[in-house]
Each structure stands twice: as structure tokens, then as C-alpha cells.
Amino acid sequence: MQTLSVNGYDIAYLDVGRGTAGTPPLVLVHGTLGDFRTWNAVLGPLSKQHRVISLSLRRFFPEHWDGVGNDYLIAQHVADMIGFIEKLNAGPVDLIGHSRGGHIGFRVAQARPDLLRKAVLAEPGGDLEPALQPADAPSGLTPLAAQMASAVKNVRNGDIEAALRLFVDAIDGDGAWARWPAVQRQQLRDNVYTLLGQVGENRKPFLKSEAESIRTPTLLIGGGDTKGTLATNWRVLAEHIPGARTAVIPGTRHWMFEQAPQEFCDIVLEFLKA
């Protein structure tokens, strides 16, 4: 593990592989409750062809944050990503972002396209503005948002296992948390208090005009069995990001790179070919 000081915070990251001449670094950005360990299942295949840099966002493991403070913001994480890529001093990079990390990757492409060569957004998290909502989208609080609110309440009450069960089952189906391997479950426990920060992170919805402004070559990828808004967002964004490509991994859900790591890597590496 290494660290890089960005905006007054030491960002922890793993740096593996060397890549081939002329191949840009590949930066991996995790989602909610993740950290640089999120990508362990795909580090091997990806690093055979690329220098791979997997980082932990501000307030995630190896920091053990207590949820107190005012810098857990989407805007701060985007600014940190921009500063991190600049400090790598390696020219434009390729970026893979999952869920929350996909949202951040979208915002980096929007604000600083000069820093990215290509972007892979794996089921980016967030809301769509009304103009992008499918006609059959339910009104009011979505089931996922309701489960997230309940999970946050459990964290505040000290019932960590209940919070994580709600979070994982809401995304990957009933009983998913109980089936998860011990290593993955511990990673989420290590980051559980970041759920408290997410309540006031001020995440803006995706706008149609923003999607249409993206010029970074983009691949949007999803699990074939993902449900709800996470299954909708990436498909809608792909319709409006110019030249966007899409891929679906059958039989997987939100953490598709853990459930089918080789297929995920094959799709990504094919897209990243110059």
C-alpha cells in the first residue's frame, strides 16, 4: 500500500503491474462501502496488460472513520480524484468506476476530460433528472433508497449487522449478505460508518445535458440480473453519452466483477485496446 497526499488528505492505493509501452495507467474507483480491496478479483487479469492503481476514497479503509466531519461529499471525492490523477503525472489515464465510483468517474469526465483517455462506468449510482426518467419509473422514494435509509438508522443505533444485511440484500437480492464470503463482509464492516456521511453528501442527479456533453470514450456495463434504479441508470446514460458502448454480464448483479471476474476483464480489456 502507498499513499498520495491530495487536497490535504492521504489517499491510500495499490499500484500493481507495469503495463506495456504507451499504455496509460488504469485507475479503479470503488463504490459505497468499498475500498482499494474491492477490485481484488480482477487485479491479476487487468495488471497483466496495464499498470493498475486501485485507490480508497477519502474516509474509507484503511482509515477507520467514525462518521464525524463535513468533508464526505461527492464534490470532495470528485476533486480528490482529479487531484490524484494530476499528481500521478502520467498523462491521461483510463478509469473504471463502480456504483458510487461510477458516479465520480462520470463527474471527472464531465469536468476534466483532459485527464481521461477512456472510462468504464459499472452501474453508476445516483438519480436521474426527471427528463431522463423512464415513463414507467415509480414515483416517490425508491425501494433501494428506503432500504438505505433503514440501513443508516441501524448504523446510528449500533446494529451494524442489520445495516449491512439491509444494504447488501437491497442491491443483490434477499439472503445475499448471508451468502457473502467472510472477507467481503469484513470489508463492508470496515467502511460501514461512511453510510452516515452519504446522507449529506449532496449528490446531484444525472442531467441529460451533462450526459450529452461527455466526450470521453465510455463503456457502460451492468449485471444481467441487477434490479431497480441501478439497472436503469447505466442504460439511460448510454443513450445520451455520445458514442457510448454497453455490455451486460448475464447471471450477475451489481458486483459483477466479483461474480464473473474473467468475463468482466475480457470486456474491459477489449474496450481499452488502443
Protein backbone atom coordinates (compact mmCIF):
# COMPACT_ATOMS: atom_id res chain seq x y z
CA MET A 1 0.00 0.00 0.00
CA GLN A 2 1.14 3.53 -0.82
CA THR A 3 -0.31 6.96 -0.11
CA LEU A 4 -0.51 10.16 -2.08
CA SER A 5 -1.36 13.48 -0.41
CA VAL A 6 -4.24 15.15 -2.26
CA ASN A 7 -6.17 18.17 -1.00
CA GLY A 8 -4.76 17.69 2.50
CA TYR A 9 -5.70 14.00 2.71
CA ASP A 10 -3.51 10.92 2.31
CA ILE A 11 -5.20 8.73 -0.30
CA ALA A 12 -4.23 5.07 0.09
CA TYR A 13 -3.78 2.98 -3.02
CA LEU A 14 -2.35 -0.19 -4.51
CA ASP A 15 -0.12 0.06 -7.58
CA VAL A 16 0.34 -3.24 -9.42
CA GLY A 17 1.58 -4.22 -12.87
CA ARG A 18 3.75 -2.27 -15.23
CA GLY A 19 1.77 -2.23 -18.46
CA THR A 20 3.22 -2.03 -21.92
CA ALA A 21 4.87 0.96 -23.52
CA GLY A 22 2.34 3.62 -24.39
CA THR A 23 -0.42 2.10 -22.26
CA PRO A 24 -1.86 4.59 -19.77
CA PRO A 25 -2.38 3.67 -16.10
CA LEU A 26 -5.75 2.15 -15.25
CA VAL A 27 -7.32 3.76 -12.16
CA LEU A 28 -10.01 1.82 -10.26
CA VAL A 29 -12.61 3.68 -8.16
CA HIS A 30 -14.75 1.66 -5.73
CA GLY A 31 -18.36 2.14 -4.69
CA THR A 32 -20.24 2.57 -1.41
CA LEU A 33 -18.69 0.62 1.49
CA GLY A 34 -15.76 -0.42 -0.72
CA ASP A 35 -12.08 0.50 -0.75
CA PHE A 36 -8.95 -0.41 -2.68
CA ARG A 37 -9.59 -4.11 -1.87
CA THR A 38 -12.88 -4.07 -3.78
CA TRP A 39 -11.10 -4.99 -7.00
CA ASN A 40 -9.03 -7.94 -5.72
CA ALA A 41 -10.77 -10.44 -8.00
CA VAL A 42 -9.74 -8.57 -11.15
CA LEU A 43 -6.35 -7.10 -10.23
CA GLY A 44 -4.48 -10.11 -11.62
CA PRO A 45 -6.02 -10.21 -15.11
CA LEU A 46 -6.05 -6.42 -15.50
CA SER A 47 -2.45 -5.95 -14.34
CA LYS A 48 -1.11 -8.40 -16.93
CA GLN A 49 -1.62 -5.70 -19.54
CA HIS A 50 -1.86 -2.46 -17.53
CA ARG A 51 -0.38 -0.63 -14.62
CA VAL A 52 -3.38 -0.78 -12.29
CA ILE A 53 -3.95 1.70 -9.48
CA SER A 54 -6.73 0.86 -7.03
CA LEU A 55 -7.44 3.59 -4.51
CA SER A 56 -9.53 4.20 -1.41
CA LEU A 57 -11.64 7.34 -1.44
CA ARG A 58 -11.49 9.85 1.42
CA ARG A 59 -12.74 8.43 4.75
CA PHE A 60 -12.67 4.80 3.60
CA PHE A 61 -10.38 1.98 4.81
CA PRO A 62 -7.55 1.99 5.85
CA GLU A 63 -8.95 4.96 7.77
CA HIS A 64 -11.48 3.82 10.37
CA TRP A 65 -13.79 6.82 10.19
CA ASP A 66 -16.41 7.47 12.85
CA GLY A 67 -18.77 9.38 10.55
CA VAL A 68 -17.97 12.76 12.14
CA GLY A 69 -16.95 15.63 9.86
CA ASN A 70 -18.12 17.66 6.90
CA ASP A 71 -15.84 16.56 4.06
CA TYR A 72 -17.65 13.39 2.98
CA LEU A 73 -19.12 14.95 -0.15
CA ILE A 74 -19.43 13.85 -3.76
CA ALA A 75 -17.83 17.15 -4.80
CA GLN A 76 -14.89 16.46 -2.47
CA HIS A 77 -14.42 12.95 -3.83
CA VAL A 78 -14.51 14.27 -7.39
CA ALA A 79 -11.96 16.97 -6.52
CA ASP A 80 -9.80 14.31 -4.84
CA MET A 81 -9.95 12.11 -7.94
CA ILE A 82 -8.95 15.00 -10.16
CA GLY A 83 -6.07 15.88 -7.83
CA PHE A 84 -4.98 12.25 -7.57
CA ILE A 85 -4.81 11.79 -11.35
CA GLU A 86 -2.95 15.07 -11.71
CA LYS A 87 -0.40 14.02 -9.09
CA LEU A 88 0.22 10.71 -10.83
CA ASN A 89 1.76 12.86 -13.55
CA ALA A 90 1.28 10.04 -16.05
CA GLY A 91 -0.84 11.80 -18.66
CA PRO A 92 -4.46 10.89 -19.36
CA VAL A 93 -5.47 7.67 -17.60
CA ASP A 94 -8.11 5.03 -18.17
CA LEU A 95 -10.65 4.81 -15.35
CA ILE A 96 -13.07 2.16 -14.11
CA GLY A 97 -15.67 3.30 -11.59
CA HIS A 98 -18.24 1.08 -9.90
CA SER A 99 -21.50 2.36 -8.41
CA ARG A 100 -20.51 5.46 -6.37
CA GLY A 101 -17.16 5.30 -8.18
CA GLY A 102 -19.03 5.25 -11.49
CA HIS A 103 -20.80 8.45 -10.49
CA ILE A 104 -17.45 10.01 -9.60
CA GLY A 105 -15.94 8.83 -12.89
CA PHE A 106 -18.83 10.45 -14.77
CA ARG A 107 -18.19 13.75 -12.95
CA VAL A 108 -14.46 13.62 -13.70
CA ALA A 109 -15.20 13.04 -17.39
CA GLN A 110 -17.62 15.95 -17.27
CA ALA A 111 -15.28 18.39 -15.50
CA ARG A 112 -11.82 17.32 -16.70
CA PRO A 113 -11.95 15.28 -19.90
CA ASP A 114 -8.27 16.07 -20.45
CA LEU A 115 -7.42 13.70 -17.59
CA LEU A 116 -9.13 10.64 -19.09
CA ARG A 117 -8.43 8.59 -22.19
CA LYS A 118 -11.29 6.11 -21.69
CA ALA A 119 -13.87 5.48 -18.97
CA VAL A 120 -15.69 2.35 -17.85
CA LEU A 121 -18.75 3.02 -15.68
CA ALA A 122 -20.08 -0.12 -13.99
CA GLU A 123 -23.66 0.56 -12.90
CA PRO A 124 -23.02 4.17 -11.81
CA GLY A 125 -25.04 5.14 -8.77
CA GLY A 126 -27.26 8.17 -8.36
CA ASP A 127 -30.55 9.58 -9.54
CA LEU A 128 -31.69 10.60 -13.00
CA GLU A 129 -33.24 14.01 -13.52
CA PRO A 130 -36.98 13.89 -14.37
CA ALA A 131 -36.28 14.40 -18.08
CA LEU A 132 -34.29 11.14 -18.10
CA GLN A 133 -36.69 9.07 -16.01
CA PRO A 134 -38.36 6.18 -17.88
CA ALA A 135 -42.09 6.65 -18.31
CA ASP A 136 -42.81 3.70 -16.02
CA ALA A 137 -40.46 4.85 -13.22
CA PRO A 138 -42.19 4.69 -9.79
CA SER A 139 -42.84 7.97 -8.01
CA GLY A 140 -41.65 8.75 -4.50
CA LEU A 141 -38.89 7.03 -2.57
CA THR A 142 -37.42 4.07 -4.46
CA PRO A 143 -37.16 0.69 -2.67
CA LEU A 144 -33.35 0.99 -2.68
CA ALA A 145 -33.47 4.49 -1.17
CA ALA A 146 -35.87 3.27 1.52
CA GLN A 147 -33.58 0.35 2.39
CA MET A 148 -30.58 2.69 2.51
CA ALA A 149 -32.42 4.96 4.94
CA SER A 150 -33.18 1.97 7.16
CA ALA A 151 -29.55 0.83 6.98
CA VAL A 152 -28.35 4.27 8.10
CA LYS A 153 -30.79 4.17 11.03
CA ASN A 154 -29.37 0.81 12.09
CA VAL A 155 -25.80 2.14 11.94
CA ARG A 156 -26.79 5.01 14.22
CA ASN A 157 -28.38 2.52 16.61
CA GLY A 158 -25.24 0.39 16.63
CA ASP A 159 -26.77 -2.60 14.82
CA ILE A 160 -24.06 -2.98 12.20
CA GLU A 161 -25.02 -6.49 11.01
CA ALA A 162 -28.63 -5.44 10.41
CA ALA A 163 -27.45 -2.38 8.49
CA LEU A 164 -25.19 -4.39 6.22
CA ARG A 165 -27.79 -7.07 5.65
CA LEU A 166 -30.28 -4.41 4.56
CA PHE A 167 -27.74 -2.74 2.29
CA VAL A 168 -26.49 -5.87 0.51
CA ASP A 169 -29.87 -7.61 0.25
CA ALA A 170 -31.46 -4.45 -1.20
CA ILE A 171 -28.92 -4.47 -4.01
CA ASP A 172 -28.15 -8.15 -4.63
CA GLY A 173 -31.37 -9.85 -3.50
CA ASP A 174 -32.76 -11.39 -0.34
CA GLY A 175 -30.23 -13.53 1.50
CA ALA A 176 -27.23 -12.12 -0.36
CA TRP A 177 -25.48 -10.87 2.80
CA ALA A 178 -25.67 -14.29 4.42
CA ARG A 179 -24.10 -15.90 1.34
CA TRP A 180 -21.21 -13.44 1.02
CA PRO A 181 -17.72 -14.73 1.85
CA ALA A 182 -16.22 -13.59 5.16
CA VAL A 183 -13.52 -11.46 3.51
CA GLN A 184 -16.02 -9.37 1.53
CA ARG A 185 -18.27 -8.98 4.56
CA GLN A 186 -15.38 -7.69 6.67
CA GLN A 187 -14.52 -5.11 4.04
CA LEU A 188 -18.02 -3.66 4.29
CA ARG A 189 -17.83 -3.67 8.08
CA ASP A 190 -14.57 -1.71 7.85
CA ASN A 191 -16.39 1.04 5.93
CA VAL A 192 -19.86 0.96 7.44
CA TYR A 193 -19.72 4.42 9.05
CA THR A 194 -19.32 6.03 5.62
CA LEU A 195 -23.05 5.38 5.24
CA LEU A 196 -23.56 8.20 7.75
CA GLY A 197 -21.58 10.56 5.54
CA GLN A 198 -23.57 9.60 2.49
CA VAL A 199 -26.74 11.09 3.97
CA GLY A 200 -25.49 14.66 3.48
CA GLU A 201 -23.06 14.17 0.59
CA ASN A 202 -25.07 16.40 -1.78
CA ARG A 203 -25.05 14.05 -4.75
CA LYS A 204 -26.65 15.78 -7.75
CA PRO A 205 -28.81 13.85 -10.24
CA PHE A 206 -27.52 13.00 -13.69
CA LEU A 207 -28.72 15.59 -16.21
CA LYS A 208 -29.43 14.88 -19.85
CA SER A 209 -27.28 17.86 -20.86
CA GLU A 210 -24.39 16.52 -18.78
CA ALA A 211 -24.54 13.09 -20.39
CA GLU A 212 -24.67 14.69 -23.84
CA SER A 213 -21.57 16.74 -23.01
CA ILE A 214 -19.33 13.73 -22.27
CA ARG A 215 -16.62 13.34 -24.90
CA THR A 216 -14.52 10.65 -23.20
CA PRO A 217 -14.97 7.28 -24.95
CA THR A 218 -17.18 5.45 -22.47
CA LEU A 219 -18.26 1.87 -21.81
CA LEU A 220 -21.25 1.31 -19.53
CA ILE A 221 -21.51 -2.16 -18.08
CA GLY A 222 -24.09 -3.92 -15.94
CA GLY A 223 -25.12 -7.21 -14.42
CA GLY A 224 -27.84 -9.06 -16.26
CA ASP A 225 -29.78 -9.73 -13.06
CA THR A 226 -29.44 -6.31 -11.40
CA LYS A 227 -32.79 -4.81 -10.42
CA GLY A 228 -34.19 -1.33 -9.85
CA THR A 229 -32.52 2.01 -10.48
CA LEU A 230 -29.02 0.53 -10.71
CA ALA A 231 -30.20 -1.48 -13.71
CA THR A 232 -31.84 1.57 -15.28
CA ASN A 233 -29.28 4.34 -14.84
CA TRP A 234 -26.47 2.99 -16.97
CA ARG A 235 -28.78 2.07 -19.83
CA VAL A 236 -30.34 5.54 -19.88
CA LEU A 237 -26.96 7.28 -19.67
CA ALA A 238 -25.68 5.15 -22.55
CA GLU A 239 -28.47 6.50 -24.75
CA HIS A 240 -27.21 10.06 -24.24
CA ILE A 241 -23.41 9.83 -23.92
CA PRO A 242 -22.15 10.26 -27.50
CA GLY A 243 -20.72 7.04 -28.90
CA ALA A 244 -21.14 5.12 -25.64
CA ARG A 245 -20.75 1.36 -25.74
CA THR A 246 -22.57 -1.08 -23.48
CA ALA A 247 -22.07 -4.58 -22.15
CA VAL A 248 -24.15 -6.91 -19.98
CA ILE A 249 -22.75 -9.84 -17.99
CA PRO A 250 -25.52 -12.45 -17.75
CA GLY A 251 -26.18 -14.12 -14.43
CA THR A 252 -24.56 -11.37 -12.36
CA ARG A 253 -25.77 -8.45 -10.30
CA HIS A 254 -24.27 -5.22 -9.02
CA TRP A 255 -20.87 -6.62 -8.02
CA MET A 256 -20.49 -8.25 -11.43
CA PHE A 257 -16.67 -8.07 -11.37
CA GLU A 258 -16.61 -10.34 -8.30
CA GLN A 259 -19.26 -12.72 -9.64
CA ALA A 260 -17.73 -13.12 -13.12
CA PRO A 261 -14.21 -11.62 -12.91
CA GLN A 262 -12.77 -13.11 -16.09
CA GLU A 263 -15.73 -12.11 -18.24
CA PHE A 264 -15.61 -8.61 -16.75
CA CYS A 265 -11.88 -8.32 -17.51
CA ASP A 266 -12.29 -9.64 -21.05
CA ILE A 267 -14.93 -6.99 -21.80
CA VAL A 268 -12.94 -4.18 -20.22
CA LEU A 269 -9.60 -5.10 -21.80
CA GLU A 270 -11.17 -5.32 -25.24
CA PHE A 271 -12.63 -1.83 -24.80
CA LEU A 272 -9.33 -0.39 -23.54
CA LYS A 273 -7.36 -1.58 -26.53
CA ALA A 274 -5.93 1.46 -28.29
